[in-house]
C-alpha atoms as a PDB file:
ATOM      1  CA  MET A   1     198.964 186.062  48.959  1.00  0.00           C
ATOM      2  CA  LEU A   2     195.556 188.241  48.429  1.00  0.00           C
ATOM      3  CA  GLN A   3     192.517 186.294  48.145  1.00  0.00           C
ATOM      4  CA  ASP A   4     191.346 187.323  44.743  1.00  0.00           C
ATOM      5  CA  ALA A   5     194.713 186.087  43.660  1.00  0.00           C
ATOM      6  CA  ILE A   6     193.753 182.326  45.442  1.00  0.00           C
ATOM      7  CA  ASP A   7     190.628 181.953  44.410  1.00  0.00           C
ATOM      8  CA  VAL A   8     191.126 182.753  40.828  1.00  0.00           C
ATOM      9  CA  TYR A   9     194.237 180.577  40.830  1.00  0.00           C
ATOM     10  CA  ALA A  10     192.092 177.455  42.421  1.00  0.00           C
ATOM     11  CA  ALA A  11     189.295 177.610  39.575  1.00  0.00           C
ATOM     12  CA  LYS A  12     191.286 177.652  36.653  1.00  0.00           C
ATOM     13  CA  GLN A  13     190.516 174.725  34.570  1.00  0.00           C
ATOM     14  CA  PRO A  14     194.881 173.910  33.381  1.00  0.00           C
ATOM     15  CA  VAL A  15     195.481 173.689  29.559  1.00  0.00           C
ATOM     16  CA  PRO A  16     198.397 170.837  29.470  1.00  0.00           C
ATOM     17  CA  VAL A  17     201.750 172.554  28.412  1.00  0.00           C
ATOM     18  CA  LEU A  18     200.027 176.262  27.888  1.00  0.00           C
ATOM     19  CA  SER A  19     200.698 179.807  29.837  1.00  0.00           C
ATOM     20  CA  VAL A  20     199.109 182.787  28.958  1.00  0.00           C
ATOM     21  CA  HIS A  21     199.906 185.973  30.836  1.00  0.00           C
ATOM     22  CA  VAL A  22     197.269 188.447  30.121  1.00  0.00           C
ATOM     23  CA  MET A  23     196.996 192.345  31.221  1.00  0.00           C
ATOM     24  CA  THR A  24     194.648 194.289  29.987  1.00  0.00           C
ATOM     25  CA  GLY A  25     194.095 198.447  30.787  1.00  0.00           C
ATOM     26  CA  ARG A  26     195.736 200.192  34.000  1.00  0.00           C
ATOM     27  CA  VAL A  27     197.538 198.110  35.873  1.00  0.00           C
ATOM     28  CA  ARG A  28     197.988 199.336  39.741  1.00  0.00           C
ATOM     29  CA  ALA A  29     200.198 196.874  42.116  1.00  0.00           C
ATOM     30  CA  ARG A  30     198.488 195.983  45.634  1.00  0.00           C
ATOM     31  CA  VAL A  31     201.864 193.829  46.549  1.00  0.00           C
ATOM     32  CA  PRO A  32     205.223 195.171  46.633  1.00  0.00           C
ATOM     33  CA  TYR A  33     206.401 192.443  44.357  1.00  0.00           C
ATOM     34  CA  GLY A  34     206.132 190.233  41.554  1.00  0.00           C
ATOM     35  CA  VAL A  35     206.658 186.573  40.438  1.00  0.00           C
ATOM     36  CA  ASN A  36     207.435 185.186  37.303  1.00  0.00           C
ATOM     37  CA  ARG A  37     207.648 181.448  36.530  1.00  0.00           C
ATOM     38  CA  THR A  38     209.174 179.745  33.734  1.00  0.00           C
ATOM     39  CA  GLY A  39     209.965 175.831  33.499  1.00  0.00           C
ATOM     40  CA  PRO A  40     209.906 173.227  31.344  1.00  0.00           C
ATOM     41  CA  SER A  41     205.963 172.198  32.789  1.00  0.00           C
ATOM     42  CA  PHE A  42     204.502 175.322  32.789  1.00  0.00           C
ATOM     43  CA  ASP A  43     205.498 177.556  30.573  1.00  0.00           C
ATOM     44  CA  VAL A  44     204.567 178.478  26.784  1.00  0.00           C
ATOM     45  CA  LEU A  45     207.890 176.842  25.445  1.00  0.00           C
ATOM     46  CA  PRO A  46     208.587 173.785  27.420  1.00  0.00           C
ATOM     47  CA  ALA A  47     210.197 171.346  24.761  1.00  0.00           C
ATOM     48  CA  LEU A  48     212.515 175.313  25.166  1.00  0.00           C
ATOM     49  CA  LEU A  49     213.398 174.849  28.982  1.00  0.00           C
ATOM     50  CA  LYS A  50     215.579 172.431  30.203  1.00  0.00           C
ATOM     51  CA  GLN A  51     214.667 173.742  34.190  1.00  0.00           C
ATOM     52  CA  SER A  52     212.650 175.704  36.482  1.00  0.00           C
ATOM     53  CA  SER A  53     213.380 179.402  37.221  1.00  0.00           C
ATOM     54  CA  THR A  54     211.511 181.692  39.861  1.00  0.00           C
ATOM     55  CA  THR A  55     211.694 185.654  39.450  1.00  0.00           C
ATOM     56  CA  THR A  56     210.894 188.081  42.186  1.00  0.00           C
ATOM     57  CA  THR A  57     210.784 191.818  41.615  1.00  0.00           C
ATOM     58  CA  THR A  58     210.562 194.526  44.306  1.00  0.00           C
ATOM     59  CA  ILE A  59     207.929 197.058  43.405  1.00  0.00           C
ATOM     60  CA  ASP A  60     208.229 200.645  44.902  1.00  0.00           C
ATOM     61  CA  LEU A  61     204.398 201.484  45.214  1.00  0.00           C
ATOM     62  CA  ALA A  62     205.736 205.376  46.375  1.00  0.00           C
ATOM     63  CA  SER A  63     205.607 205.655  42.480  1.00  0.00           C
END
């Protein structure tokens, strides 16, 4: 885990049952993976989901 990501997560003020994913401008991957999580307690539509799910995606940094 990158230190700046740890710092941002530690400093955030969580809002119950709300979640956002904001990307602006050109995104440059710094690690060869991405992680997406959804679930009834931390997704945008908590009433729609019955269980949590985590997906890890491999990113080809060479392209």
